[in-house]
Structure formats: C-alpha cells, structure tokens
Amino acid sequence: MPALRSGDDPKAGTPAANEVNFPPVQNGVDYLNNVADQLRFGQPSPRNLKYAVLHLQAAAEVLLKARLVQEHWSLVFKDPGTAKRERFEAGDFDSCTTTGAIGRLRDIASVAIGDKPTKSMGILAKWRNRLQHYGLKAPAPAVEVCAAQVLDFLVAFVHDELLPALPGPEAAAVADDLESVGMKVRGVTSYMDTRVKRLADELKDVRDHTVMCPVCEQWALVLGGGTAALDCRFCHTVWAGPEDALTNYFDFAHVDGNVYECPDCNQHTLLVDGAGTAAAPEERRSLCFCCGTDFAVITQCDDCLNTYVPADDDDAGLCGDCLAVRIDRF
C-alpha cells in the first residue's frame, strides 16, 4: 500500500481531492518543510524570515501538542480540569500555550527538552506574536539563528517522540517528508557552521573578554566598549548598554554570581565569578561588562563592601579609599 500523502483520506486510504486533510503530525512536518525552504538559500530575505517565524511557530505548536495528545488528550486544554471529549473531537476549545506545552511534556510526559531549545522556542513565540499583532523589527541574523535552532530541534523531536506512535501508513508518509526536511536542514547547518568559522578568525584576539550571546548562544558578545551599545557579532542583537546586556545575560544564560561596581571603570557591571569567556568557557571569571576587564583575583572591602583587587601580601581587607581613611585617623 503506498504511503498516504497530504490530502489523502487516512481512514479510507484513498485520495480525497476535494478536501483539505492534514493529520496533526503531517501538518507540522509540512510547516517544517516550508521553513526549511525559507532558510536554506544562504542569506534569507526579510520576507523569507517572516514566513519562517510564522510557520515555525505553527509547527512547534502543532507538534508539541500532538505529543501531549499521545500522553492524554486532555493535556492540550488550557485548563485540563475543564476538558470534555466532545469539545476535543470537535476542536472547539482553548489550548495551552507553547510554553505550557513544553512544561507539561517535561513534567508529565517526562520528555527531555533542553534549556536551549526551550529558550529559542520562547523567543520565537514572542516574535510570532509581534508579527501577528504589531509587526516585528529584529536583526535578521538573530531571527535566522533562532529559527535554525528550533527547526533542528523539531526535526529530532518528530523522529524521536512522534513517529514511533503513528499508524504505519501515516508514519511512512511523515518519514518521507521528514527526510526531505532533514536534507534541507543540513544545508542550513552547514551555512551556519561556515559563519561560525569565519567569525572565529575575526574574534581570535578578543577571546578573553568575549562571552556567550544570550540570544544565539554563540561566543560572539565582545565586552569592553564602555557605556556604548553592545551587539552580538553573530546574530547582531543590540543592547542599549552593558547593564542591559548583563541583565539579559542573567535572564537567559542561567549564570550564578553577583554584580558589583567595577574598581576599574566604576560602573555597576562587574559580574563576579559568573562569566565564562571564549578563552575559558568552563571557568567562571570575574568580568566587567563595561570595560571588559577580567579580574583574576577580586575581593570585597570589609568597610564599604565594594570590590577591589587585593594586595599580593598582607592585604588588610580594605579597598584603597577605606584604607586611606583608616590611615588618616592616625
């Protein structure tokens, strides 16, 4: 029996040319196929990216919720406590958000969804809402990177989480479509890898004050420009200044550490024991997001609680200003 294609009647097994019939997983994969077409030709146009965002968010919603239905149909309701089977069958209900679907898949269905795709899908959902309701203004490379990350995740998600539970004919159709998408995704990934390698040469001399961009997660956010705006060299996301970038870094990079006034530039942008750099990704450095200084040793003054670089020998536990005040008393 040939694999059913989009537009076939999966119950009767015969084509239904006079109706639109996209079962959920085939529907989601069809969206993915369109997104891959939008992204695979080198530098996609703004219009390509617009439809990539819209169709990728649609794919994420339908595919994540298809997996929820496999667990139990009531889980796709905004409030599962009000779920009724007849409303589910008719498609007449308010469903959960993408974020809600991810949370339920993790907590109830025990599906492993990492922080990176979760963050990318959250950003994508915000961009889609802006496009639908207000219009969107964002750096094209940032949109491209985020879309590529979500696309890559969803292809694996369909393969690992959805295909095994599909009926044979539908599974065969989805597998064929998914193979086509996968070939296109490899082209997108190759293009991204080329950009990463090109950027590595550009940033090789500033690796000690370059941190991971909280949006695209590339080691491409170069610090040390003072209070001026910062931008990621890979996705070109712009922050109004170092404090804005540091706040975003905390929100998305899941870092520990505390923020203090920098003893070099006097800005409240020194992240102590919390920043990995391109030169030392696994270490947690004390790095100023304003002046870019990497403090190998930093401590807190016992009096004023500001940070300072301690003396090599017999440090008194006081910054220079507080130490001078103590000396003046004698």
Protein backbone atom coordinates (compact mmCIF):
# COMPACT_ATOMS: atom_id res chain seq x y z
CA MET A 1 0.00 0.00 0.00
CA PRO A 2 1.53 3.37 -0.94
CA ALA A 3 2.21 5.91 1.78
CA LEU A 4 -0.61 8.38 2.28
CA ARG A 5 0.27 11.92 1.30
CA SER A 6 -1.17 15.23 2.44
CA GLY A 7 -4.71 15.47 1.05
CA ASP A 8 -5.33 11.70 1.26
CA ASP A 9 -8.08 10.27 3.44
CA PRO A 10 -6.20 8.27 6.11
CA LYS A 11 -9.35 6.33 7.07
CA ALA A 12 -10.45 5.26 3.63
CA GLY A 13 -6.93 5.04 2.24
CA THR A 14 -7.89 6.79 -0.96
CA PRO A 15 -7.10 10.32 -2.18
CA ALA A 16 -9.70 12.96 -1.37
CA ALA A 17 -9.03 15.70 -3.88
CA ASN A 18 -11.97 17.82 -2.78
CA GLU A 19 -10.89 18.32 0.84
CA VAL A 20 -8.02 19.62 2.92
CA ASN A 21 -6.85 16.80 5.17
CA PHE A 22 -3.67 17.29 7.19
CA PRO A 23 -3.38 14.99 10.23
CA PRO A 24 -1.53 16.81 13.05
CA VAL A 25 1.97 15.39 12.64
CA GLN A 26 1.88 15.58 8.84
CA ASN A 27 0.61 19.14 9.22
CA GLY A 28 3.52 20.06 11.49
CA VAL A 29 6.11 18.44 9.24
CA ASP A 30 4.62 20.23 6.23
CA TYR A 31 5.22 23.52 8.08
CA LEU A 32 8.81 22.41 8.78
CA ASN A 33 9.33 21.67 5.10
CA ASN A 34 8.24 25.19 4.23
CA VAL A 35 10.50 26.71 6.89
CA ALA A 36 13.49 24.74 5.61
CA ASP A 37 12.79 26.11 2.12
CA GLN A 38 12.75 29.66 3.52
CA LEU A 39 16.12 29.24 5.27
CA ARG A 40 18.23 27.06 3.01
CA PHE A 41 19.36 29.59 0.40
CA GLY A 42 22.33 31.35 2.01
CA GLN A 43 21.15 34.66 3.40
CA PRO A 44 17.32 34.55 3.52
CA SER A 45 15.42 37.73 2.74
CA PRO A 46 13.37 39.52 5.42
CA ARG A 47 10.23 38.11 3.78
CA ASN A 48 11.69 34.58 3.94
CA LEU A 49 12.38 35.10 7.64
CA LYS A 50 8.92 36.49 8.28
CA TYR A 51 7.25 33.33 6.98
CA ALA A 52 9.88 31.14 8.64
CA VAL A 53 8.87 32.61 12.01
CA LEU A 54 5.13 32.26 11.38
CA HIS A 55 5.30 28.72 10.03
CA LEU A 56 7.88 27.50 12.51
CA GLN A 57 5.81 28.69 15.46
CA ALA A 58 2.79 26.95 13.93
CA ALA A 59 4.87 23.78 13.56
CA ALA A 60 6.08 23.97 17.16
CA GLU A 61 2.54 24.34 18.49
CA VAL A 62 1.01 21.50 16.49
CA LEU A 63 3.91 19.07 17.04
CA LEU A 64 4.34 19.68 20.77
CA LYS A 65 0.60 19.35 21.29
CA ALA A 66 0.48 16.20 19.16
CA ARG A 67 2.88 14.65 21.66
CA LEU A 68 0.69 15.83 24.54
CA VAL A 69 -2.29 14.10 22.92
CA GLN A 70 -0.27 10.88 22.79
CA GLU A 71 0.08 11.19 26.56
CA HIS A 72 -3.59 12.16 27.09
CA TRP A 73 -5.98 14.26 25.03
CA SER A 74 -7.00 16.47 27.98
CA LEU A 75 -3.44 17.84 28.33
CA VAL A 76 -3.82 20.14 25.33
CA PHE A 77 -6.63 22.08 27.01
CA LYS A 78 -5.67 25.40 28.56
CA ASP A 79 -7.32 24.10 31.74
CA PRO A 80 -7.31 20.27 31.68
CA GLY A 81 -9.82 20.30 34.54
CA THR A 82 -12.49 21.59 32.14
CA ALA A 83 -11.65 19.16 29.33
CA LYS A 84 -14.55 17.44 27.57
CA ARG A 85 -14.06 14.73 25.00
CA GLU A 86 -16.72 16.05 22.61
CA ARG A 87 -15.07 19.50 22.58
CA PHE A 88 -11.69 17.89 21.90
CA GLU A 89 -13.10 15.85 19.00
CA ALA A 90 -14.66 18.99 17.53
CA GLY A 91 -11.53 21.09 18.06
CA ASP A 92 -13.68 23.58 19.97
CA PHE A 93 -11.56 24.60 22.95
CA ASP A 94 -8.80 26.95 24.13
CA SER A 95 -5.48 25.11 24.08
CA CYS A 96 -2.39 25.63 26.21
CA THR A 97 0.45 27.90 25.11
CA THR A 98 3.70 26.66 23.62
CA THR A 99 5.41 27.34 26.94
CA GLY A 100 2.66 25.45 28.75
CA ALA A 101 3.01 22.51 26.36
CA ILE A 102 6.77 22.34 26.99
CA GLY A 103 6.22 22.39 30.76
CA ARG A 104 3.64 19.59 30.59
CA LEU A 105 5.80 17.49 28.29
CA ARG A 106 8.70 17.82 30.72
CA ASP A 107 6.77 17.38 33.97
CA ILE A 108 4.03 14.92 32.99
CA ALA A 109 5.26 13.03 29.92
CA SER A 110 8.95 13.02 31.02
CA VAL A 111 10.06 14.26 27.60
CA ALA A 112 13.59 15.67 27.68
CA ILE A 113 13.52 19.20 26.25
CA GLY A 114 16.73 21.12 26.94
CA ASP A 115 17.05 24.71 28.08
CA LYS A 116 18.47 25.85 24.73
CA PRO A 117 15.50 24.80 22.52
CA THR A 118 13.10 25.93 25.25
CA LYS A 119 14.63 29.39 25.22
CA SER A 120 14.67 29.54 21.41
CA MET A 121 11.02 28.50 21.19
CA GLY A 122 10.12 31.15 23.77
CA ILE A 123 11.85 33.85 21.71
CA LEU A 124 10.21 32.53 18.55
CA ALA A 125 6.75 32.68 20.17
CA LYS A 126 7.28 36.33 21.13
CA TRP A 127 8.40 37.22 17.60
CA ARG A 128 5.39 35.44 16.11
CA ASN A 129 3.00 37.35 18.40
CA ARG A 130 4.60 40.64 17.41
CA LEU A 131 4.31 39.77 13.73
CA GLN A 132 0.67 38.82 14.08
CA HIS A 133 -0.44 41.76 16.20
CA TYR A 134 2.03 44.64 16.00
CA GLY A 135 4.69 43.98 13.39
CA LEU A 136 8.25 42.88 14.07
CA LYS A 137 11.57 44.69 13.99
CA ALA A 138 14.54 42.45 14.84
CA PRO A 139 18.03 41.76 13.46
CA ALA A 140 17.68 39.35 10.53
CA PRO A 141 20.65 37.18 11.63
CA ALA A 142 19.10 36.78 15.12
CA VAL A 143 15.83 35.61 13.58
CA GLU A 144 17.72 33.27 11.27
CA VAL A 145 19.77 31.69 14.06
CA CYS A 146 16.80 31.21 16.37
CA ALA A 147 14.72 29.70 13.57
CA ALA A 148 17.51 27.31 12.60
CA GLN A 149 17.86 26.13 16.22
CA VAL A 150 14.13 25.48 16.61
CA LEU A 151 13.94 23.76 13.23
CA ASP A 152 16.80 21.44 14.16
CA PHE A 153 15.15 20.58 17.49
CA LEU A 154 11.72 19.90 15.97
CA VAL A 155 13.10 17.55 13.31
CA ALA A 156 14.67 15.42 16.05
CA PHE A 157 11.52 15.73 18.20
CA VAL A 158 9.31 14.34 15.44
CA HIS A 159 11.70 11.49 14.78
CA ASP A 160 12.16 10.53 18.45
CA GLU A 161 8.81 11.36 20.06
CA LEU A 162 6.09 11.23 17.40
CA LEU A 163 6.99 8.78 14.63
CA PRO A 164 7.08 5.64 16.84
CA ALA A 165 3.41 6.07 17.85
CA LEU A 166 1.96 6.82 14.40
CA PRO A 167 -0.03 4.26 12.38
CA GLY A 168 2.05 2.57 9.67
CA PRO A 169 0.81 4.47 6.57
CA GLU A 170 0.96 7.87 8.28
CA ALA A 171 4.38 7.06 9.78
CA ALA A 172 5.70 6.20 6.30
CA ALA A 173 4.40 9.46 4.86
CA VAL A 174 5.85 11.53 7.71
CA ALA A 175 9.20 9.72 7.49
CA ASP A 176 9.48 10.57 3.78
CA ASP A 177 8.66 14.22 4.40
CA LEU A 178 10.99 14.36 7.39
CA GLU A 179 13.88 13.00 5.31
CA SER A 180 13.35 15.85 2.84
CA VAL A 181 13.33 18.39 5.66
CA GLY A 182 16.45 16.85 7.19
CA MET A 183 18.41 17.23 3.94
CA LYS A 184 17.48 20.91 3.78
CA VAL A 185 18.34 21.42 7.47
CA ARG A 186 21.82 20.02 6.84
CA GLY A 187 22.28 22.75 4.25
CA VAL A 188 21.18 25.40 6.77
CA THR A 189 23.51 23.94 9.43
CA SER A 190 26.43 23.92 7.00
CA TYR A 191 25.82 27.58 6.25
CA MET A 192 25.69 28.40 9.96
CA ASP A 193 28.91 26.47 10.60
CA THR A 194 30.64 28.44 7.86
CA ARG A 195 29.64 31.70 9.55
CA VAL A 196 30.88 30.43 12.93
CA LYS A 197 34.29 29.55 11.46
CA ARG A 198 34.58 32.91 9.73
CA LEU A 199 33.69 34.71 12.95
CA ALA A 200 36.22 32.69 14.96
CA ASP A 201 39.06 34.24 12.98
CA GLU A 202 37.63 37.72 13.49
CA LEU A 203 37.37 37.24 17.27
CA LYS A 204 40.57 35.32 17.97
CA ASP A 205 42.32 38.32 19.58
CA VAL A 206 39.44 39.26 21.93
CA ARG A 207 38.54 35.84 23.29
CA ASP A 208 39.45 36.77 26.87
CA HIS A 209 36.62 39.35 27.01
CA THR A 210 34.10 37.67 24.72
CA VAL A 211 31.10 35.94 26.32
CA MET A 212 28.30 33.77 25.01
CA CYS A 213 25.45 35.75 23.47
CA PRO A 214 22.29 35.09 25.49
CA VAL A 215 20.17 35.10 22.32
CA CYS A 216 22.02 32.91 19.78
CA GLU A 217 24.40 31.21 22.28
CA GLN A 218 27.46 31.81 20.14
CA TRP A 219 30.70 33.08 21.70
CA ALA A 220 30.29 36.42 19.97
CA LEU A 221 29.37 39.11 22.51
CA VAL A 222 32.52 41.23 22.85
CA LEU A 223 32.80 43.34 26.02
CA GLY A 224 34.96 46.36 26.67
CA GLY A 225 33.30 49.10 24.68
CA GLY A 226 32.49 51.28 27.67
CA THR A 227 28.94 52.51 28.19
CA ALA A 228 28.09 52.41 24.46
CA ALA A 229 25.62 49.92 22.97
CA LEU A 230 26.78 46.31 22.62
CA ASP A 231 25.95 43.94 19.80
CA CYS A 232 26.50 40.26 19.17
CA ARG A 233 28.90 39.75 16.26
CA PHE A 234 27.00 36.64 15.14
CA CYS A 235 23.26 37.43 15.41
CA HIS A 236 23.63 41.24 15.69
CA THR A 237 21.22 41.57 18.60
CA VAL A 238 21.82 45.01 20.12
CA TRP A 239 21.71 46.02 23.79
CA ALA A 240 21.43 49.66 24.84
CA GLY A 241 24.49 49.37 27.06
CA PRO A 242 26.48 46.99 29.29
CA GLU A 243 23.90 46.98 32.10
CA ASP A 244 21.17 45.97 29.65
CA ALA A 245 23.37 43.22 28.22
CA LEU A 246 24.25 41.97 31.70
CA THR A 247 20.57 41.80 32.71
CA ASN A 248 19.80 39.79 29.58
CA TYR A 249 22.79 37.57 30.25
CA PHE A 250 21.37 36.71 33.69
CA ASP A 251 17.90 36.08 32.26
CA PHE A 252 18.95 33.64 29.55
CA ALA A 253 22.39 32.26 30.33
CA HIS A 254 21.42 30.72 33.70
CA VAL A 255 24.55 32.06 35.42
CA ASP A 256 25.45 32.33 39.06
CA GLY A 257 27.49 35.16 40.54
CA ASN A 258 26.89 38.64 41.92
CA VAL A 259 27.13 42.06 40.31
CA TYR A 260 29.27 44.81 41.86
CA GLU A 261 30.81 48.12 40.95
CA CYS A 262 33.91 47.64 38.84
CA PRO A 263 37.07 49.00 40.53
CA ASP A 264 38.48 49.98 37.12
CA CYS A 265 35.58 51.83 35.43
CA ASN A 266 33.28 52.42 38.44
CA GLN A 267 30.24 51.03 36.61
CA HIS A 268 27.89 48.58 38.32
CA THR A 269 28.63 45.94 35.69
CA LEU A 270 31.18 43.60 37.28
CA LEU A 271 29.94 40.01 37.29
CA VAL A 272 31.97 38.21 39.95
CA ASP A 273 32.69 34.50 39.46
CA GLY A 274 29.90 34.15 36.92
CA ALA A 275 31.11 34.70 33.37
CA GLY A 276 32.61 32.13 31.02
CA THR A 277 34.69 33.53 28.19
CA ALA A 278 35.55 32.24 24.74
CA ALA A 279 39.11 31.77 26.01
CA ALA A 280 38.00 29.78 29.07
CA PRO A 281 34.42 28.54 28.55
CA GLU A 282 34.35 26.22 31.58
CA GLU A 283 35.82 28.69 34.07
CA ARG A 284 33.75 31.27 35.94
CA ARG A 285 35.56 34.57 35.70
CA SER A 286 35.06 37.99 37.29
CA LEU A 287 34.41 40.09 34.22
CA CYS A 288 33.22 43.66 33.75
CA PHE A 289 30.59 44.04 31.03
CA CYS A 290 31.53 47.72 30.61
CA CYS A 291 35.32 47.90 30.40
CA GLY A 292 35.87 44.21 29.66
CA THR A 293 38.46 43.75 32.42
CA ASP A 294 38.93 40.17 33.57
CA PHE A 295 39.93 40.18 37.23
CA ALA A 296 41.93 37.10 38.13
CA VAL A 297 41.52 37.93 41.83
CA ILE A 298 38.85 40.20 43.25
CA THR A 299 37.56 40.64 46.79
CA GLN A 300 35.06 42.73 48.74
CA CYS A 301 36.02 45.58 51.05
CA ASP A 302 35.12 44.92 54.71
CA ASP A 303 34.02 48.52 55.19
CA CYS A 304 32.26 49.81 52.07
CA LEU A 305 31.51 46.37 50.52
CA ASN A 306 32.78 47.50 47.11
CA THR A 307 35.10 45.20 45.20
CA TYR A 308 38.83 45.78 44.84
CA VAL A 309 41.98 43.97 43.74
CA PRO A 310 43.76 42.79 46.91
CA ALA A 311 47.43 43.41 47.56
CA ASP A 312 49.71 40.47 47.00
CA ASP A 313 50.94 40.40 50.62
CA ASP A 314 49.33 41.32 53.92
CA ASP A 315 46.07 42.56 52.44
CA ALA A 316 44.09 44.46 55.07
CA GLY A 317 40.68 43.54 53.67
CA LEU A 318 40.06 47.16 52.69
CA CYS A 319 39.85 48.96 49.36
CA GLY A 320 42.25 51.84 48.72
CA ASP A 321 39.75 54.53 49.75
CA CYS A 322 38.78 52.86 53.02
CA LEU A 323 42.40 52.05 53.82
CA ALA A 324 43.33 55.70 53.29
CA VAL A 325 40.58 56.77 55.70
CA ARG A 326 41.90 54.39 58.33
CA ILE A 327 45.45 55.67 57.90
CA ASP A 328 44.32 59.31 58.11
CA ARG A 329 42.88 58.63 61.56
CA PHE A 330 46.36 58.12 62.97
